[in-house]
Structure formats: C-alpha cells, structure tokens
C-alpha cells in the first residue's frame, strides 16, 4: 500500500475554506482601514497647509501692529516734545 499525501475529508475542506475566507476578510478589512488612514492623512495635510497660511497672515498682522505701535510711539514722543517746549512750532503764525 502506497502512502497518500493528499487525504482530504469534508472537515479538512471546510477548515481550508474557512481559513481562506478569514484571510480574504482580513485583507479587505486591512485595506479599508488603510484607505481610512490615507484619507485622514490627506485631511491632515490639507489642514496643515491652511494652518501655515493662517500663521503667515498672523505674522503679517503682528508686523503691521508693531509698525503702527512704533509710529504711535514716535507721534507721542513728538507731542510730548511740543508740549514741553523742546520743539518750537510756527502753527500760531500759520493760523494768522
């Protein structure tokens, strides 16, 4: 009697079909999860780009505020100098 290597029963066939089905289900499940993760990564990239643009705008606004503050400080100093008499003006002559 020769030994047989391929002796299948209905139970063995059912196990094989179940195993293949589980592997296919796992592959599809992982594929869906990868798709969700890729979508989330794209959303993060988009949000990051928008955030960078907002940070640039905020930097521009802060620069403009700093410039205006410096100008106001110069005007305030000049007004103090005029009031204290350190700077003479001829405004009274212009209004005559």
Protein backbone atom coordinates (compact mmCIF):
# COMPACT_ATOMS: atom_id res chain seq x y z
CA UNK A 1 0.00 0.00 0.00
CA UNK A 2 1.41 3.36 -1.02
CA UNK A 3 1.17 6.29 1.37
CA UNK A 4 -1.11 9.11 0.23
CA UNK A 5 -0.20 12.65 0.98
CA UNK A 6 -3.46 14.22 -0.13
CA UNK A 7 -6.12 12.69 2.01
CA UNK A 8 -8.93 15.19 2.32
CA UNK A 9 -12.10 14.91 4.31
CA UNK A 10 -15.10 17.20 4.33
CA UNK A 11 -13.84 18.60 7.66
CA UNK A 12 -10.42 19.37 6.19
CA UNK A 13 -12.02 21.06 3.21
CA UNK A 14 -14.28 23.12 5.50
CA UNK A 15 -11.26 24.20 7.56
CA UNK A 16 -9.39 25.20 4.40
CA UNK A 17 -12.34 27.20 3.06
CA UNK A 18 -12.80 28.88 6.46
CA UNK A 19 -9.11 29.73 6.66
CA UNK A 20 -9.07 31.19 3.14
CA UNK A 21 -12.25 33.16 3.90
CA UNK A 22 -10.74 34.55 7.10
CA UNK A 23 -7.59 35.59 5.26
CA UNK A 24 -9.60 37.29 2.50
CA UNK A 25 -11.77 39.07 5.10
CA UNK A 26 -8.67 40.21 6.98
CA UNK A 27 -7.09 41.55 3.79
CA UNK A 28 -10.23 43.51 2.89
CA UNK A 29 -10.54 44.81 6.45
CA UNK A 30 -6.93 45.99 6.47
CA UNK A 31 -7.43 47.52 3.02
CA UNK A 32 -10.43 49.52 4.25
CA UNK A 33 -8.52 50.66 7.32
CA UNK A 34 -5.56 51.73 5.19
CA UNK A 35 -7.92 53.71 2.96
CA UNK A 36 -9.39 55.45 6.03
CA UNK A 37 -5.90 56.22 7.34
CA UNK A 38 -4.81 57.60 3.95
CA UNK A 39 -7.91 59.82 3.84
CA UNK A 40 -7.17 61.07 7.35
CA UNK A 41 -3.55 61.77 6.38
CA UNK A 42 -4.72 63.76 3.34
CA UNK A 43 -7.10 65.74 5.58
CA UNK A 44 -4.24 66.47 7.99
CA UNK A 45 -2.03 67.63 5.11
CA UNK A 46 -4.79 69.95 3.90
CA UNK A 47 -5.38 71.31 7.40
CA UNK A 48 -1.66 71.80 7.90
CA UNK A 49 -1.41 73.81 4.68
CA UNK A 50 -4.32 76.00 5.78
CA UNK A 51 -2.74 76.42 9.21
CA UNK A 52 0.56 77.52 7.63
CA UNK A 53 -1.29 80.12 5.57
CA UNK A 54 -3.09 81.36 8.70
CA UNK A 55 0.19 81.59 10.63
CA UNK A 56 1.71 83.64 7.78
CA UNK A 57 -1.28 86.01 7.88
CA UNK A 58 -0.96 86.26 11.66
CA UNK A 59 2.73 87.10 11.29
CA UNK A 60 1.89 89.81 8.77
CA UNK A 61 -0.71 91.26 11.15
CA UNK A 62 1.71 91.23 14.08
CA UNK A 63 4.31 93.01 11.95
CA UNK A 64 1.77 95.66 10.92
CA UNK A 65 0.74 96.14 14.56
CA UNK A 66 4.37 96.52 15.62
CA UNK A 67 4.98 99.11 12.90
CA UNK A 68 1.87 101.07 13.89
CA UNK A 69 2.90 100.89 17.54
CA UNK A 70 6.33 102.31 16.69
CA UNK A 71 4.73 105.11 14.69
CA UNK A 72 2.35 105.93 17.53
CA UNK A 73 5.27 105.98 19.96
CA UNK A 74 7.09 108.48 17.69
CA UNK A 75 3.99 110.68 17.45
CA UNK A 76 3.52 110.51 21.22
CA UNK A 77 7.15 111.50 21.82
CA UNK A 78 6.88 114.35 19.34
CA UNK A 79 3.71 115.60 21.05
CA UNK A 80 5.45 115.46 24.44
CA UNK A 81 8.37 117.44 22.97
CA UNK A 82 5.99 120.05 21.54
CA UNK A 83 4.05 120.39 24.80
CA UNK A 84 7.21 120.67 26.88
CA UNK A 85 8.65 123.32 24.56
CA UNK A 86 11.62 121.32 23.37
CA UNK A 87 10.32 121.73 19.81
CA UNK A 88 9.13 125.09 18.61
CA UNK A 89 6.38 125.20 16.05
CA UNK A 90 5.07 128.00 13.91
CA UNK A 91 1.43 126.88 13.98
CA UNK A 92 0.34 130.16 15.54
CA UNK A 93 1.87 132.02 12.60
CA UNK A 94 0.09 129.83 10.04
CA UNK A 95 -3.32 130.50 11.55
CA UNK A 96 -2.92 134.35 11.32
